[in-house]
C-alpha atoms as a PDB file:
ATOM      1  CA  MET A   1       0.000   0.000   0.000  1.00  0.00           C
ATOM      2  CA  SER A   2       1.405   3.346  -1.014  1.00  0.00           C
ATOM      3  CA  ALA A   3       1.394   6.424   1.178  1.00  0.00           C
ATOM      4  CA  ARG A   4      -1.559   8.743   1.426  1.00  0.00           C
ATOM      5  CA  LEU A   5      -2.113  11.091  -1.504  1.00  0.00           C
ATOM      6  CA  ASP A   6      -4.450  13.570   0.187  1.00  0.00           C
ATOM      7  CA  ASP A   7      -2.623  16.624  -1.148  1.00  0.00           C
ATOM      8  CA  LYS A   8      -2.289  15.350  -4.714  1.00  0.00           C
ATOM      9  CA  VAL A   9      -4.355  16.393  -7.727  1.00  0.00           C
ATOM     10  CA  ILE A  10      -4.084  13.688 -10.365  1.00  0.00           C
ATOM     11  CA  ALA A  11      -5.619  13.573 -13.832  1.00  0.00           C
ATOM     12  CA  VAL A  12      -6.369  10.252 -15.529  1.00  0.00           C
ATOM     13  CA  ALA A  13      -6.718  10.136 -19.316  1.00  0.00           C
ATOM     14  CA  GLY A  14      -8.660   7.108 -20.507  1.00  0.00           C
ATOM     15  CA  ALA A  15     -10.705   7.027 -17.333  1.00  0.00           C
ATOM     16  CA  SER A  16     -13.525   4.770 -18.475  1.00  0.00           C
ATOM     17  CA  GLY A  17     -11.390   1.784 -19.467  1.00  0.00           C
ATOM     18  CA  PRO A  18     -10.618  -1.079 -17.066  1.00  0.00           C
ATOM     19  CA  ALA A  19      -7.185   0.349 -16.250  1.00  0.00           C
ATOM     20  CA  GLY A  20      -8.583   3.842 -15.813  1.00  0.00           C
ATOM     21  CA  GLN A  21     -11.313   2.727 -13.449  1.00  0.00           C
ATOM     22  CA  ALA A  22      -8.961   0.608 -11.344  1.00  0.00           C
ATOM     23  CA  THR A  23      -6.510   3.477 -11.136  1.00  0.00           C
ATOM     24  CA  MET A  24      -9.116   6.054 -10.170  1.00  0.00           C
ATOM     25  CA  ARG A  25     -10.364   3.745  -7.425  1.00  0.00           C
ATOM     26  CA  ARG A  26      -6.858   3.233  -6.075  1.00  0.00           C
ATOM     27  CA  LEU A  27      -5.977   6.918  -6.144  1.00  0.00           C
ATOM     28  CA  ALA A  28      -9.292   7.914  -4.563  1.00  0.00           C
ATOM     29  CA  ALA A  29      -8.815   5.334  -1.807  1.00  0.00           C
ATOM     30  CA  ALA A  30      -5.466   6.987  -1.019  1.00  0.00           C
ATOM     31  CA  GLY A  31      -7.186  10.368  -0.685  1.00  0.00           C
ATOM     32  CA  ALA A  32      -6.135  11.988  -3.957  1.00  0.00           C
ATOM     33  CA  THR A  33      -8.305  14.436  -5.849  1.00  0.00           C
ATOM     34  CA  VAL A  34      -8.876  12.563  -9.093  1.00  0.00           C
ATOM     35  CA  ILE A  35     -10.090  13.999 -12.377  1.00  0.00           C
ATOM     36  CA  GLY A  36     -10.899  11.481 -15.062  1.00  0.00           C
ATOM     37  CA  ALA A  37     -11.176  12.287 -18.748  1.00  0.00           C
ATOM     38  CA  ASP A  38     -12.906  10.396 -21.527  1.00  0.00           C
ATOM     39  CA  ILE A  39     -14.444  11.275 -24.846  1.00  0.00           C
ATOM     40  CA  ASP A  40     -17.787   9.596 -24.048  1.00  0.00           C
ATOM     41  CA  GLN A  41     -19.987  11.189 -21.373  1.00  0.00           C
ATOM     42  CA  GLN A  42     -22.027   8.059 -20.679  1.00  0.00           C
ATOM     43  CA  ARG A  43     -18.976   5.843 -20.209  1.00  0.00           C
ATOM     44  CA  LEU A  44     -17.317   8.477 -18.056  1.00  0.00           C
ATOM     45  CA  ASP A  45     -20.365   8.893 -15.821  1.00  0.00           C
ATOM     46  CA  LYS A  46     -20.563   5.135 -15.356  1.00  0.00           C
ATOM     47  CA  ALA A  47     -16.886   4.954 -14.411  1.00  0.00           C
ATOM     48  CA  LEU A  48     -17.198   7.818 -11.923  1.00  0.00           C
ATOM     49  CA  ASP A  49     -20.276   6.269 -10.325  1.00  0.00           C
ATOM     50  CA  SER A  50     -18.370   3.014  -9.917  1.00  0.00           C
ATOM     51  CA  VAL A  51     -15.526   4.807  -8.136  1.00  0.00           C
ATOM     52  CA  ARG A  52     -17.907   6.662  -5.828  1.00  0.00           C
ATOM     53  CA  THR A  53     -19.708   3.424  -4.970  1.00  0.00           C
ATOM     54  CA  THR A  54     -16.493   1.554  -4.251  1.00  0.00           C
ATOM     55  CA  VAL A  55     -14.756   4.411  -2.414  1.00  0.00           C
ATOM     56  CA  PRO A  56     -17.236   6.338  -0.239  1.00  0.00           C
ATOM     57  CA  GLY A  57     -16.245   9.986   0.003  1.00  0.00           C
ATOM     58  CA  ALA A  58     -14.034   9.772  -3.074  1.00  0.00           C
ATOM     59  CA  LYS A  59     -12.867  13.156  -4.366  1.00  0.00           C
ATOM     60  CA  VAL A  60     -13.435  12.304  -7.991  1.00  0.00           C
ATOM     61  CA  SER A  61     -14.821  14.209 -10.949  1.00  0.00           C
ATOM     62  CA  GLY A  62     -14.731  13.960 -14.707  1.00  0.00           C
ATOM     63  CA  GLN A  63     -14.371  15.940 -17.882  1.00  0.00           C
ATOM     64  CA  VAL A  64     -15.313  14.999 -21.413  1.00  0.00           C
ATOM     65  CA  ILE A  65     -12.192  15.641 -23.486  1.00  0.00           C
ATOM     66  CA  ASP A  66     -11.264  14.884 -27.069  1.00  0.00           C
ATOM     67  CA  LEU A  67      -7.597  14.001 -26.645  1.00  0.00           C
ATOM     68  CA  LEU A  68      -7.084  14.449 -30.385  1.00  0.00           C
ATOM     69  CA  ASP A  69      -7.845  18.151 -30.006  1.00  0.00           C
ATOM     70  CA  PRO A  70      -4.636  19.755 -28.687  1.00  0.00           C
ATOM     71  CA  GLN A  71      -6.294  23.015 -27.684  1.00  0.00           C
ATOM     72  CA  GLU A  72      -8.954  21.162 -25.726  1.00  0.00           C
ATOM     73  CA  VAL A  73      -6.295  19.220 -23.838  1.00  0.00           C
ATOM     74  CA  HIS A  74      -4.247  22.366 -23.123  1.00  0.00           C
ATOM     75  CA  ASP A  75      -7.367  24.143 -21.865  1.00  0.00           C
ATOM     76  CA  TRP A  76      -8.120  21.179 -19.597  1.00  0.00           C
ATOM     77  CA  ALA A  77      -4.629  21.263 -18.097  1.00  0.00           C
ATOM     78  CA  ASP A  78      -4.775  25.034 -17.570  1.00  0.00           C
ATOM     79  CA  HIS A  79      -8.229  24.803 -15.994  1.00  0.00           C
ATOM     80  CA  LEU A  80      -7.182  22.096 -13.539  1.00  0.00           C
ATOM     81  CA  GLU A  81      -4.141  24.038 -12.393  1.00  0.00           C
ATOM     82  CA  ALA A  82      -6.150  27.244 -12.048  1.00  0.00           C
ATOM     83  CA  GLU A  83      -8.912  25.481 -10.105  1.00  0.00           C
ATOM     84  CA  HIS A  84      -6.729  23.468  -7.729  1.00  0.00           C
ATOM     85  CA  GLY A  85      -3.547  25.533  -7.619  1.00  0.00           C
ATOM     86  CA  HIS A  86      -1.414  22.606  -8.782  1.00  0.00           C
ATOM     87  CA  VAL A  87      -1.574  19.419 -10.817  1.00  0.00           C
ATOM     88  CA  ASP A  88       0.573  16.616  -9.455  1.00  0.00           C
ATOM     89  CA  GLY A  89       0.121  13.959 -12.083  1.00  0.00           C
ATOM     90  CA  LEU A  90      -1.191  12.904 -15.452  1.00  0.00           C
ATOM     91  CA  LEU A  91      -1.613   9.183 -15.991  1.00  0.00           C
ATOM     92  CA  HIS A  92      -2.048   8.384 -19.666  1.00  0.00           C
ATOM     93  CA  LEU A  93      -4.090   5.175 -19.868  1.00  0.00           C
ATOM     94  CA  VAL A  94      -5.356   5.456 -23.424  1.00  0.00           C
ATOM     95  CA  GLY A  95      -4.872   2.279 -25.425  1.00  0.00           C
ATOM     96  CA  GLY A  96      -5.777   0.474 -28.567  1.00  0.00           C
ATOM     97  CA  TRP A  97      -4.585  -2.524 -30.540  1.00  0.00           C
ATOM     98  CA  ARG A  98      -4.510  -3.513 -34.186  1.00  0.00           C
ATOM     99  CA  GLY A  99      -2.594  -6.364 -35.758  1.00  0.00           C
ATOM    100  CA  SER A 100      -2.480  -8.983 -38.492  1.00  0.00           C
ATOM    101  CA  LYS A 101      -1.564 -12.631 -38.972  1.00  0.00           C
ATOM    102  CA  THR A 102       1.598 -11.936 -40.964  1.00  0.00           C
ATOM    103  CA  PHE A 103       3.913  -9.014 -41.678  1.00  0.00           C
ATOM    104  CA  PHE A 104       2.802  -8.927 -45.307  1.00  0.00           C
ATOM    105  CA  ASP A 105      -0.821  -8.575 -44.184  1.00  0.00           C
ATOM    106  CA  SER A 106      -0.022  -5.489 -42.108  1.00  0.00           C
ATOM    107  CA  ARG A 107      -2.398  -2.667 -42.973  1.00  0.00           C
ATOM    108  CA  ILE A 108      -1.268   0.931 -43.074  1.00  0.00           C
ATOM    109  CA  ASP A 109      -4.714   2.015 -41.916  1.00  0.00           C
ATOM    110  CA  ASP A 110      -4.006   0.069 -38.706  1.00  0.00           C
ATOM    111  CA  TRP A 111      -0.977   2.315 -38.251  1.00  0.00           C
ATOM    112  CA  ASP A 112      -3.135   5.377 -38.948  1.00  0.00           C
ATOM    113  CA  PHE A 113      -5.587   4.287 -36.241  1.00  0.00           C
ATOM    114  CA  LEU A 114      -2.838   3.580 -33.700  1.00  0.00           C
ATOM    115  CA  HIS A 115      -0.992   6.762 -34.583  1.00  0.00           C
ATOM    116  CA  ASP A 116      -4.027   8.756 -33.492  1.00  0.00           C
ATOM    117  CA  THR A 117      -5.255   6.602 -30.611  1.00  0.00           C
ATOM    118  CA  VAL A 118      -1.905   5.711 -29.069  1.00  0.00           C
ATOM    119  CA  VAL A 119       0.670   8.240 -30.241  1.00  0.00           C
ATOM    120  CA  ARG A 120      -1.152  11.493 -30.885  1.00  0.00           C
ATOM    121  CA  THR A 121      -3.203  11.387 -27.672  1.00  0.00           C
ATOM    122  CA  LEU A 122      -0.014  10.915 -25.638  1.00  0.00           C
ATOM    123  CA  GLN A 123       1.700  13.770 -27.441  1.00  0.00           C
ATOM    124  CA  HIS A 124      -1.171  16.054 -26.551  1.00  0.00           C
ATOM    125  CA  THR A 125      -1.397  15.151 -22.855  1.00  0.00           C
ATOM    126  CA  SER A 126       2.372  15.323 -22.348  1.00  0.00           C
ATOM    127  CA  LEU A 127       2.703  18.717 -24.031  1.00  0.00           C
ATOM    128  CA  ALA A 128      -0.314  20.139 -22.226  1.00  0.00           C
ATOM    129  CA  PHE A 129       0.607  18.983 -18.717  1.00  0.00           C
ATOM    130  CA  GLN A 130       4.411  19.261 -18.795  1.00  0.00           C
ATOM    131  CA  PRO A 131       4.596  22.875 -17.547  1.00  0.00           C
ATOM    132  CA  ALA A 132       2.263  22.208 -14.622  1.00  0.00           C
ATOM    133  CA  LEU A 133       4.185  19.063 -13.686  1.00  0.00           C
ATOM    134  CA  VAL A 134       7.457  21.004 -13.733  1.00  0.00           C
ATOM    135  CA  ARG A 135       5.922  23.510 -11.324  1.00  0.00           C
ATOM    136  CA  SER A 136       4.504  20.864  -8.980  1.00  0.00           C
ATOM    137  CA  GLY A 137       7.279  18.293  -9.168  1.00  0.00           C
ATOM    138  CA  GLY A 138       4.670  15.881 -10.472  1.00  0.00           C
ATOM    139  CA  ARG A 139       4.518  12.555 -12.239  1.00  0.00           C
ATOM    140  CA  TYR A 140       3.643  11.574 -15.805  1.00  0.00           C
ATOM    141  CA  ALA A 141       3.179   7.904 -16.622  1.00  0.00           C
ATOM    142  CA  MET A 142       2.180   5.928 -19.676  1.00  0.00           C
ATOM    143  CA  VAL A 143       1.606   2.231 -20.284  1.00  0.00           C
ATOM    144  CA  SER A 144       3.727   0.629 -22.967  1.00  0.00           C
ATOM    145  CA  ALA A 145       4.026  -2.965 -24.120  1.00  0.00           C
ATOM    146  CA  ALA A 146       6.743  -5.578 -24.224  1.00  0.00           C
ATOM    147  CA  ALA A 147       5.984  -5.739 -27.950  1.00  0.00           C
ATOM    148  CA  ALA A 148       7.764  -2.408 -28.391  1.00  0.00           C
ATOM    149  CA  HIS A 149      10.986  -4.119 -27.329  1.00  0.00           C
ATOM    150  CA  LYS A 150      10.431  -7.358 -29.261  1.00  0.00           C
ATOM    151  CA  PRO A 151       8.044  -6.769 -32.173  1.00  0.00           C
ATOM    152  CA  THR A 152       6.307  -9.700 -33.802  1.00  0.00           C
ATOM    153  CA  ALA A 153       5.729 -10.041 -37.542  1.00  0.00           C
ATOM    154  CA  GLY A 154       2.006  -9.357 -37.308  1.00  0.00           C
ATOM    155  CA  GLY A 155       2.296  -6.644 -34.687  1.00  0.00           C
ATOM    156  CA  ALA A 156       4.376  -4.138 -36.630  1.00  0.00           C
ATOM    157  CA  ALA A 157       1.945  -1.231 -36.360  1.00  0.00           C
ATOM    158  CA  TYR A 158       1.256  -1.752 -32.649  1.00  0.00           C
ATOM    159  CA  ALA A 159       4.920  -2.213 -31.738  1.00  0.00           C
ATOM    160  CA  ALA A 160       5.915   0.851 -33.744  1.00  0.00           C
ATOM    161  CA  ALA A 161       3.227   2.975 -32.087  1.00  0.00           C
ATOM    162  CA  LYS A 162       4.273   1.905 -28.604  1.00  0.00           C
ATOM    163  CA  ALA A 163       7.941   2.475 -29.428  1.00  0.00           C
ATOM    164  CA  ALA A 164       7.061   5.984 -30.601  1.00  0.00           C
ATOM    165  CA  THR A 165       5.245   6.784 -27.358  1.00  0.00           C
ATOM    166  CA  GLU A 166       8.196   5.500 -25.352  1.00  0.00           C
ATOM    167  CA  ALA A 167      10.603   7.754 -27.253  1.00  0.00           C
ATOM    168  CA  TRP A 168       8.306  10.740 -26.779  1.00  0.00           C
ATOM    169  CA  THR A 169       7.996  10.046 -23.041  1.00  0.00           C
ATOM    170  CA  LEU A 170      11.769   9.727 -22.684  1.00  0.00           C
ATOM    171  CA  ALA A 171      12.110  13.127 -24.345  1.00  0.00           C
ATOM    172  CA  MET A 172       9.677  14.493 -21.764  1.00  0.00           C
ATOM    173  CA  ALA A 173      11.826  12.917 -19.042  1.00  0.00           C
ATOM    174  CA  ASP A 174      14.841  14.754 -20.441  1.00  0.00           C
ATOM    175  CA  SER A 175      12.888  17.997 -20.277  1.00  0.00           C
ATOM    176  CA  PHE A 176      12.362  17.415 -16.559  1.00  0.00           C
ATOM    177  CA  VAL A 177      16.130  17.127 -16.109  1.00  0.00           C
ATOM    178  CA  LYS A 178      16.751  20.307 -18.096  1.00  0.00           C
ATOM    179  CA  GLU A 179      13.994  22.275 -16.366  1.00  0.00           C
ATOM    180  CA  THR A 180      14.627  21.007 -12.847  1.00  0.00           C
ATOM    181  CA  THR A 181      14.068  23.298  -9.905  1.00  0.00           C
ATOM    182  CA  ALA A 182      16.391  21.401  -7.577  1.00  0.00           C
ATOM    183  CA  GLY A 183      19.387  23.438  -8.710  1.00  0.00           C
ATOM    184  CA  ASP A 184      21.769  20.484  -8.889  1.00  0.00           C
ATOM    185  CA  GLY A 185      20.515  18.742 -12.013  1.00  0.00           C
ATOM    186  CA  THR A 186      18.255  16.421 -10.017  1.00  0.00           C
ATOM    187  CA  PRO A 187      14.758  16.347 -11.513  1.00  0.00           C
ATOM    188  CA  THR A 188      11.860  17.123  -9.221  1.00  0.00           C
ATOM    189  CA  ALA A 189       9.308  15.809 -11.727  1.00  0.00           C
ATOM    190  CA  ALA A 190       9.342  12.426 -13.425  1.00  0.00           C
ATOM    191  CA  ALA A 191       8.048  10.713 -16.537  1.00  0.00           C
ATOM    192  CA  ALA A 192       7.942   6.931 -16.324  1.00  0.00           C
ATOM    193  CA  ILE A 193       7.049   4.080 -18.664  1.00  0.00           C
ATOM    194  CA  LEU A 194       5.185   1.032 -17.341  1.00  0.00           C
ATOM    195  CA  VAL A 195       5.737  -2.018 -19.526  1.00  0.00           C
ATOM    196  CA  ILE A 196       3.207  -4.838 -19.698  1.00  0.00           C
ATOM    197  CA  LYS A 197       2.426  -7.755 -21.986  1.00  0.00           C
ATOM    198  CA  ALA A 198      -1.312  -7.122 -21.752  1.00  0.00           C
ATOM    199  CA  LEU A 199      -3.839  -6.220 -19.084  1.00  0.00           C
ATOM    200  CA  VAL A 200      -6.432  -8.436 -17.454  1.00  0.00           C
ATOM    201  CA  SER A 201      -9.388  -7.192 -15.414  1.00  0.00           C
ATOM    202  CA  PRO A 202     -11.581  -9.051 -12.897  1.00  0.00           C
ATOM    203  CA  GLU A 203     -14.347  -9.041 -15.495  1.00  0.00           C
ATOM    204  CA  MET A 204     -12.085 -10.773 -18.019  1.00  0.00           C
ATOM    205  CA  ARG A 205     -11.151 -13.436 -15.484  1.00  0.00           C
ATOM    206  CA  ALA A 206     -14.826 -13.978 -14.638  1.00  0.00           C
ATOM    207  CA  GLU A 207     -15.707 -14.379 -18.308  1.00  0.00           C
ATOM    208  CA  LYS A 208     -12.918 -16.912 -18.856  1.00  0.00           C
ATOM    209  CA  PRO A 209     -12.336 -18.649 -15.510  1.00  0.00           C
ATOM    210  CA  ASP A 210     -10.170 -21.354 -17.070  1.00  0.00           C
ATOM    211  CA  ALA A 211      -7.868 -18.968 -18.935  1.00  0.00           C
ATOM    212  CA  LYS A 212      -4.318 -18.601 -17.627  1.00  0.00           C
ATOM    213  CA  PHE A 213      -3.626 -15.050 -18.878  1.00  0.00           C
ATOM    214  CA  ALA A 214       0.078 -15.902 -18.638  1.00  0.00           C
ATOM    215  CA  GLY A 215       2.243 -12.829 -18.282  1.00  0.00           C
ATOM    216  CA  PHE A 216      -0.741 -10.478 -18.137  1.00  0.00           C
ATOM    217  CA  THR A 217      -0.827  -7.672 -15.567  1.00  0.00           C
ATOM    218  CA  ASP A 218      -3.909  -7.307 -13.391  1.00  0.00           C
ATOM    219  CA  THR A 219      -5.453  -3.853 -13.587  1.00  0.00           C
ATOM    220  CA  ALA A 220      -5.304  -3.660  -9.782  1.00  0.00           C
ATOM    221  CA  ASP A 221      -1.543  -4.281  -9.856  1.00  0.00           C
ATOM    222  CA  LEU A 222      -1.105  -1.619 -12.500  1.00  0.00           C
ATOM    223  CA  ALA A 223      -3.109   0.805 -10.364  1.00  0.00           C
ATOM    224  CA  GLU A 224      -0.995  -0.018  -7.308  1.00  0.00           C
ATOM    225  CA  THR A 225       2.199   0.704  -9.222  1.00  0.00           C
ATOM    226  CA  LEU A 226       0.812   3.998 -10.508  1.00  0.00           C
ATOM    227  CA  ALA A 227      -0.276   5.103  -7.032  1.00  0.00           C
ATOM    228  CA  GLY A 228       3.197   4.268  -5.756  1.00  0.00           C
ATOM    229  CA  LEU A 229       4.910   6.682  -8.138  1.00  0.00           C
ATOM    230  CA  TRP A 230       4.597   9.435  -5.553  1.00  0.00           C
ATOM    231  CA  ASP A 231       6.392   7.291  -2.949  1.00  0.00           C
ATOM    232  CA  ARG A 232       9.606   7.284  -4.987  1.00  0.00           C
ATOM    233  CA  PRO A 233      12.039  10.146  -5.658  1.00  0.00           C
ATOM    234  CA  ALA A 234      11.684  11.737  -9.080  1.00  0.00           C
ATOM    235  CA  ALA A 235      15.354  11.072  -9.856  1.00  0.00           C
ATOM    236  CA  GLU A 236      14.777   7.366  -9.301  1.00  0.00           C
ATOM    237  CA  LEU A 237      11.759   7.264 -11.635  1.00  0.00           C
ATOM    238  CA  ASN A 238      12.475   9.764 -14.354  1.00  0.00           C
ATOM    239  CA  GLY A 239      13.054   8.139 -17.729  1.00  0.00           C
ATOM    240  CA  GLN A 240      12.739   4.634 -16.317  1.00  0.00           C
ATOM    241  CA  HIS A 241      10.988   1.546 -17.664  1.00  0.00           C
ATOM    242  CA  LEU A 242       9.045  -0.206 -14.904  1.00  0.00           C
ATOM    243  CA  TRP A 243       8.503  -3.772 -16.063  1.00  0.00           C
ATOM    244  CA  LEU A 244       5.284  -5.426 -14.840  1.00  0.00           C
ATOM    245  CA  THR A 245       5.842  -8.520 -16.952  1.00  0.00           C
ATOM    246  CA  ALA A 246       8.812 -10.696 -17.761  1.00  0.00           C
ATOM    247  CA  ARG A 247      11.388  -9.056 -20.039  1.00  0.00           C
END
């Protein structure tokens, strides 16, 4: 169990997905003020209601955001900092997968989809929230995949998209070193990459009770790792890959 997060204001992009919901619950249980974002109002409302039911007294709210609209994302970041005085984290939990049976069957439109869903959304959240995270000494985290480090023939588009987001996040980590406020080159903010094979939720396990889900990361374990980012010094986390599956 990580320390209390009562003084932290943490935004979660991709709030309505299984990972987003598990993470919002975990952060809310630790006392954080949590703001979830999703493009669909109905899904977002359902996710927020679930958090409030599971965590009585949860300080959780939501905002409908189109993460493909850079101005909308920048406005969201500015609004949160103006409203709360600081933003201590942005957890980018927006995913998507496309693949094929063989390399030759790879479709460029799969890359186009993943470029928007996986890469472009991360570019927008990182650019929008970086200044606030520099000011607060906050945390930025994204979820990557082992496939980015060992692509398969049919997973070219997915592996390439994840590799691109890793490179972009590492560049953000370098910005935290260059814009540190510690005065000695030690970053006070951190950008970290969590690496999984795939995620599994309680609902998935219930639907397939005999499935092994070998190497998969439980959404609750992912959420626990994310909540623990504020327990660790920024210098220890910044630019690091945190492996939640076998390398």
